[in-house]
Protein backbone atom coordinates (compact mmCIF):
# COMPACT_ATOMS: atom_id res chain seq x y z
CA MET A 1 5.20 -14.52 17.27
CA ASN A 2 5.16 -10.96 18.59
CA LEU A 3 4.50 -7.87 16.46
CA ASN A 4 8.18 -6.97 16.02
CA GLU A 5 9.01 -10.48 14.81
CA GLU A 6 6.13 -10.29 12.34
CA TYR A 7 7.45 -6.98 10.93
CA VAL A 8 10.91 -8.50 10.54
CA ARG A 9 9.45 -11.55 8.79
CA ARG A 10 7.38 -9.42 6.41
CA GLY A 11 10.32 -7.14 5.65
CA LYS A 12 12.50 -10.11 4.81
CA ASP A 13 9.77 -11.59 2.59
CA ILE A 14 9.32 -8.30 0.70
CA ARG A 15 13.06 -7.83 0.30
CA GLU A 16 13.68 -11.36 -0.94
CA ARG A 17 10.62 -11.66 -3.17
CA TRP A 18 10.01 -8.19 -4.60
CA PHE A 19 13.53 -6.76 -4.64
CA LYS A 20 15.66 -9.88 -5.08
CA ASN A 21 17.05 -8.81 -8.48
CA HIS A 22 17.13 -5.04 -7.95
CA LYS A 23 20.43 -3.22 -8.44
CA ALA A 24 21.56 0.25 -7.43
CA VAL A 25 23.31 2.27 -10.14
CA PHE A 26 25.13 5.46 -9.08
CA GLU A 27 26.05 8.20 -11.57
CA GLU A 28 27.72 11.60 -11.22
CA HIS A 29 27.24 14.33 -13.79
CA GLY A 30 29.17 17.31 -12.46
CA PRO A 31 27.24 18.60 -9.46
CA VAL A 32 24.31 16.26 -10.09
CA LYS A 33 24.37 12.86 -8.38
CA MET A 34 21.87 10.14 -9.26
CA LEU A 35 21.09 6.80 -7.69
CA THR A 36 18.72 4.54 -9.61
CA TRP A 37 17.25 1.49 -7.88
CA HIS A 38 15.63 -0.98 -10.28
CA GLN A 39 15.49 -4.43 -11.81
CA GLU A 40 16.80 -4.40 -15.36
CA GLY A 41 14.06 -4.98 -17.92
CA ASN A 42 11.29 -4.28 -15.41
CA SER A 43 9.72 -0.99 -14.37
CA CYS A 44 8.02 -2.28 -11.21
CA TYR A 45 9.25 -0.83 -7.92
CA TRP A 46 11.94 1.38 -9.41
CA CYS A 47 13.00 4.78 -8.15
CA ARG A 48 15.62 7.41 -8.81
CA TYR A 49 17.17 9.76 -6.27
CA ILE A 50 18.73 12.94 -7.66
CA ILE A 51 20.80 15.25 -5.48
CA HIS A 52 21.74 18.68 -6.75
CA GLY A 53 23.02 21.28 -4.33
CA LEU A 54 20.52 21.61 -1.51
CA TYR A 55 17.79 19.63 -3.27
CA LEU A 56 16.78 15.98 -3.31
CA MET A 57 14.34 14.82 -5.98
CA VAL A 58 12.85 11.35 -5.66
CA TYR A 59 10.71 9.84 -8.36
CA GLY A 60 9.69 6.47 -9.67
CA ASP A 61 6.73 4.30 -10.47
CA ILE A 62 4.91 5.30 -7.27
CA GLY A 63 5.22 9.09 -7.58
CA GLU A 64 7.65 11.90 -6.96
CA ALA A 65 8.68 14.46 -4.39
CA VAL A 66 11.21 17.28 -4.10
CA TYR A 67 12.92 18.10 -0.82
CA GLY A 68 15.16 20.99 0.16
CA TRP A 69 17.77 21.28 2.86
CA GLY A 70 18.31 24.47 4.81
CA SER A 71 14.99 25.59 6.22
CA ILE A 72 14.87 28.06 9.08
CA GLN A 73 14.81 25.11 11.49
CA GLY A 74 17.48 23.25 9.48
CA GLY A 75 17.16 19.78 8.05
CA LEU A 76 15.08 18.36 5.22
CA THR A 77 11.86 20.16 4.33
CA TRP A 78 8.83 19.11 2.30
CA PRO A 79 7.01 20.22 0.30
CA MET A 80 9.60 22.53 -1.11
CA ASP A 81 8.53 26.01 -2.13
CA ARG A 82 8.61 25.97 -5.94
CA ARG A 83 9.50 29.67 -5.98
CA ALA A 84 12.77 28.94 -4.18
CA GLU A 85 14.49 27.32 -7.18
CA PRO A 86 12.46 27.73 -10.39
CA ARG A 87 15.18 26.06 -12.55
CA LEU A 88 14.50 22.80 -10.74
CA PHE A 89 10.93 22.67 -11.97
CA ARG A 90 11.66 23.63 -15.57
CA GLY A 91 13.89 20.58 -15.97
CA GLU A 92 17.19 22.47 -16.17
CA MET A 93 18.59 20.47 -13.29
CA LEU A 94 18.18 17.26 -15.28
CA ARG A 95 19.86 18.54 -18.45
CA ILE A 96 23.26 16.99 -18.04
């Protein structure tokens, strides 16, 4: 078995064993869009993606990160400058 085949095998194993019962739930709250990926009744390997304007916030049981679109070079940037959108870090974005 070559390395690529091993990666494919491992990916399939992880997908079928760890994420077999996970579901994606999409919600829209005005300009805020949320996608939650989880297994109901279990908090292992869950995450939530929140998109609001030019920002993407990702958080879950393994940590969190905030990204911003529209840098000088264009595209997704990280880490985002917290001074750029202070409302995001005071929780106002999540009050829906």
